[in-house]
Structure formats: C-alpha cells, structure tokens
Amino acid sequence: MEPIIDHIEITVKDMAVAAPFYDKLLPLLGFDLKSRSSAVLEDHELHVVEYLHPRLGFAINSPRSAFRGDTINRRRPGALHHLAFRAESRAEVDRLHLELTQIRATIVSPPREYPEYVPPGYYALFFKDIEGIKYEIVHTPPRSG
C-alpha cells in the first residue's frame, strides 16, 4: 500500500464561523468551491461541509453538543497537532502568505527556512485558522525515492 491520504475531516468549534473561512482558504490550496457540499445528519448531531479535490477530500465537522464548550488544544491526546500542505516552490509559499493575511488567517510564523528541520532547504510558513487550528504551507527540495 502507498501512504496516500484519501480524505481528512476536522472538527471545528463553530460551523457558522469556520465554514466562511474555509470557503476562502481551500480555494487557495487548490480546491474548487463547485465541489463543495454540505449535509446535516440529525441522528449523529453532525453538520459537515466537504470540499473535494481529485487528490484529497477535506471536510469540517460540527462538534457534538456535549463538546461545544471545549477549547481547541493541539497538544491534547488524539488532537490534530497541525496539518501541512506542500507548495510547489518557495515563491508559492510567499504568495500564499500574502493571501492568508487577506482572509484573516493568524500567521504564527511567516515564510522562512527552517535549518533545524529535515530535509535541508525546508521552507515554510505556519498559520492558524479563525478558531486556532494550526496549518503549515511547506516547500522542500524534491525527495529522492
């Protein structure tokens, strides 16, 4: 089996806040809003908004009512620490940095090289969505197989 991710689902705190943000974010990452769908599954206390790309499905989910008051903490066991998207070039990382500031993403660390990360030439930016979920845009030199 090849380690290829088919889809990712992330639970957000407030769908009314998160969905408009992700409607702006995901097109920056190559998703087409024409492939966006939404559903409410009452029996599961679930509202889901799904964004499809030929290589990856990405969805945001509402929390169960019992967890609505919980805060996001990426260091909690079972939580998503951060999610990294690969850029084709350093210039793309830089361009996305500017676009992320325009959609009100919180820039944690602007684009720079991270010599402490592997492989050499690791160039990235880190940001958080409107609720505090952390993401990364990264460019690395081509990997050898």
Protein backbone atom coordinates (compact mmCIF):
# COMPACT_ATOMS: atom_id res chain seq x y z
CA MET A 1 0.00 0.00 0.00
CA GLU A 2 1.15 3.54 -0.72
CA PRO A 3 0.77 6.01 2.17
CA ILE A 4 -1.64 8.37 0.38
CA ILE A 5 -4.29 10.19 2.37
CA ASP A 6 -7.77 9.95 0.81
CA HIS A 7 -9.61 12.46 2.98
CA ILE A 8 -9.33 14.48 6.18
CA GLU A 9 -12.15 15.56 8.49
CA ILE A 10 -11.56 18.19 11.16
CA THR A 11 -14.00 19.11 13.90
CA VAL A 12 -14.35 22.86 14.33
CA LYS A 13 -15.90 24.75 17.21
CA ASP A 14 -18.46 26.86 15.32
CA MET A 15 -19.59 25.97 11.80
CA ALA A 16 -21.06 29.44 11.28
CA VAL A 17 -17.60 30.95 11.80
CA ALA A 18 -15.48 28.17 10.28
CA ALA A 19 -17.34 27.48 7.01
CA PRO A 20 -16.96 31.03 5.59
CA PHE A 21 -13.24 30.95 6.49
CA TYR A 22 -12.66 27.56 4.84
CA ASP A 23 -14.63 28.74 1.78
CA LYS A 24 -11.82 31.31 1.38
CA LEU A 25 -8.90 29.10 2.49
CA LEU A 26 -9.42 25.94 0.50
CA PRO A 27 -9.50 27.58 -2.96
CA LEU A 28 -6.05 28.98 -2.10
CA LEU A 29 -4.94 25.36 -1.64
CA GLY A 30 -6.35 24.16 -4.97
CA PHE A 31 -9.92 23.17 -4.05
CA ASP A 32 -12.80 24.25 -6.32
CA LEU A 33 -15.88 25.50 -4.46
CA LYS A 34 -18.03 23.89 -7.16
CA SER A 35 -17.06 20.61 -5.47
CA ARG A 36 -18.24 21.78 -2.03
CA SER A 37 -21.19 20.00 -0.41
CA SER A 38 -22.93 20.25 2.94
CA ALA A 39 -25.12 17.90 4.94
CA VAL A 40 -26.76 17.73 8.34
CA LEU A 41 -27.13 14.29 9.93
CA GLU A 42 -29.51 14.85 12.83
CA ASP A 43 -29.11 11.31 14.24
CA HIS A 44 -25.36 11.94 14.64
CA GLU A 45 -25.56 15.59 15.76
CA LEU A 46 -23.40 16.34 12.74
CA HIS A 47 -23.17 19.18 10.27
CA VAL A 48 -20.46 18.51 7.70
CA VAL A 49 -19.12 20.69 4.90
CA GLU A 50 -16.98 18.75 2.44
CA TYR A 51 -14.55 20.10 -0.14
CA LEU A 52 -13.41 17.69 -2.83
CA HIS A 53 -10.23 17.78 -4.89
CA PRO A 54 -9.20 14.96 -7.25
CA ARG A 55 -6.37 14.08 -4.83
CA LEU A 56 -7.91 14.82 -1.44
CA GLY A 57 -11.21 15.24 0.32
CA PHE A 58 -11.27 17.78 3.16
CA ALA A 59 -14.21 18.28 5.49
CA ILE A 60 -15.08 20.34 8.53
CA ASN A 61 -17.49 18.88 11.08
CA SER A 62 -19.53 20.36 13.88
CA PRO A 63 -18.81 19.15 17.41
CA ARG A 64 -21.28 17.04 19.37
CA SER A 65 -23.36 19.22 21.67
CA ALA A 66 -21.58 17.76 24.72
CA PHE A 67 -18.26 19.20 23.42
CA ARG A 68 -19.39 22.62 22.17
CA GLY A 69 -17.84 24.41 25.16
CA ASP A 70 -14.45 22.68 24.80
CA THR A 71 -11.45 24.68 23.69
CA ILE A 72 -9.12 23.68 20.87
CA ASN A 73 -5.80 22.33 22.09
CA ARG A 74 -3.46 20.72 19.59
CA ARG A 75 -1.46 19.02 22.35
CA ARG A 76 -4.44 17.06 23.73
CA PRO A 77 -4.16 13.30 23.04
CA GLY A 78 -5.99 12.44 19.84
CA ALA A 79 -5.97 16.04 18.62
CA LEU A 80 -4.55 17.26 15.34
CA HIS A 81 -1.22 18.95 16.08
CA HIS A 82 -1.07 20.63 12.67
CA LEU A 83 -1.66 19.82 9.04
CA ALA A 84 0.91 20.65 6.35
CA PHE A 85 0.19 21.31 2.68
CA ARG A 86 3.04 21.04 0.17
CA ALA A 87 3.78 24.02 -2.08
CA GLU A 88 5.49 23.69 -5.45
CA SER A 89 8.01 26.45 -4.75
CA ARG A 90 9.24 28.99 -2.23
CA ALA A 91 7.53 31.65 -4.33
CA GLU A 92 4.22 29.83 -3.82
CA VAL A 93 4.78 29.78 -0.05
CA ASP A 94 5.42 33.53 -0.19
CA ARG A 95 2.34 34.17 -2.34
CA LEU A 96 0.12 32.12 -0.04
CA HIS A 97 1.45 34.05 2.95
CA LEU A 98 0.07 37.26 1.44
CA GLU A 99 -3.25 35.63 0.56
CA LEU A 100 -3.62 34.11 4.03
CA THR A 101 -3.27 37.53 5.65
CA GLN A 102 -6.07 38.79 3.40
CA ILE A 103 -8.50 36.13 4.62
CA ARG A 104 -7.70 36.85 8.30
CA ALA A 105 -5.67 33.71 9.00
CA THR A 106 -3.42 34.19 12.01
CA ILE A 107 0.19 33.97 10.85
CA VAL A 108 2.16 32.10 13.52
CA SER A 109 5.46 32.19 11.65
CA PRO A 110 5.96 33.94 8.29
CA PRO A 111 7.84 32.21 5.47
CA ARG A 112 11.43 31.31 6.25
CA GLU A 113 13.89 28.48 6.00
CA TYR A 114 13.97 26.06 8.94
CA PRO A 115 17.51 24.66 9.12
CA GLU A 116 16.52 22.63 12.17
CA TYR A 117 14.02 20.60 10.09
CA VAL A 118 14.78 17.81 7.65
CA PRO A 119 15.38 17.85 4.73
CA PRO A 120 17.78 20.73 4.15
CA GLY A 121 16.04 23.60 2.36
CA TYR A 122 12.82 23.22 4.39
CA TYR A 123 10.93 26.48 3.72
CA ALA A 124 7.58 27.03 5.38
CA LEU A 125 5.03 29.26 6.98
CA PHE A 126 2.69 28.37 9.83
CA PHE A 127 -0.77 29.80 10.41
CA LYS A 128 -3.96 29.16 12.35
CA ASP A 129 -7.50 29.22 11.11
CA ILE A 130 -10.06 31.55 12.63
CA GLU A 131 -10.62 29.14 15.56
CA GLY A 132 -6.97 28.33 16.30
CA ILE A 133 -6.37 25.11 14.32
CA LYS A 134 -2.75 25.14 13.10
CA TYR A 135 -1.64 24.60 9.49
CA GLU A 136 1.59 24.77 7.53
CA ILE A 137 2.48 25.53 3.94
CA VAL A 138 5.84 23.93 3.12
CA HIS A 139 8.22 23.63 0.21
CA THR A 140 11.11 21.19 0.33
CA PRO A 141 13.58 20.21 -2.37
CA PRO A 142 12.48 17.12 -4.30
CA ARG A 143 12.65 13.92 -2.25
CA SER A 144 14.70 11.04 -3.52
CA GLY A 145 12.83 7.75 -3.73
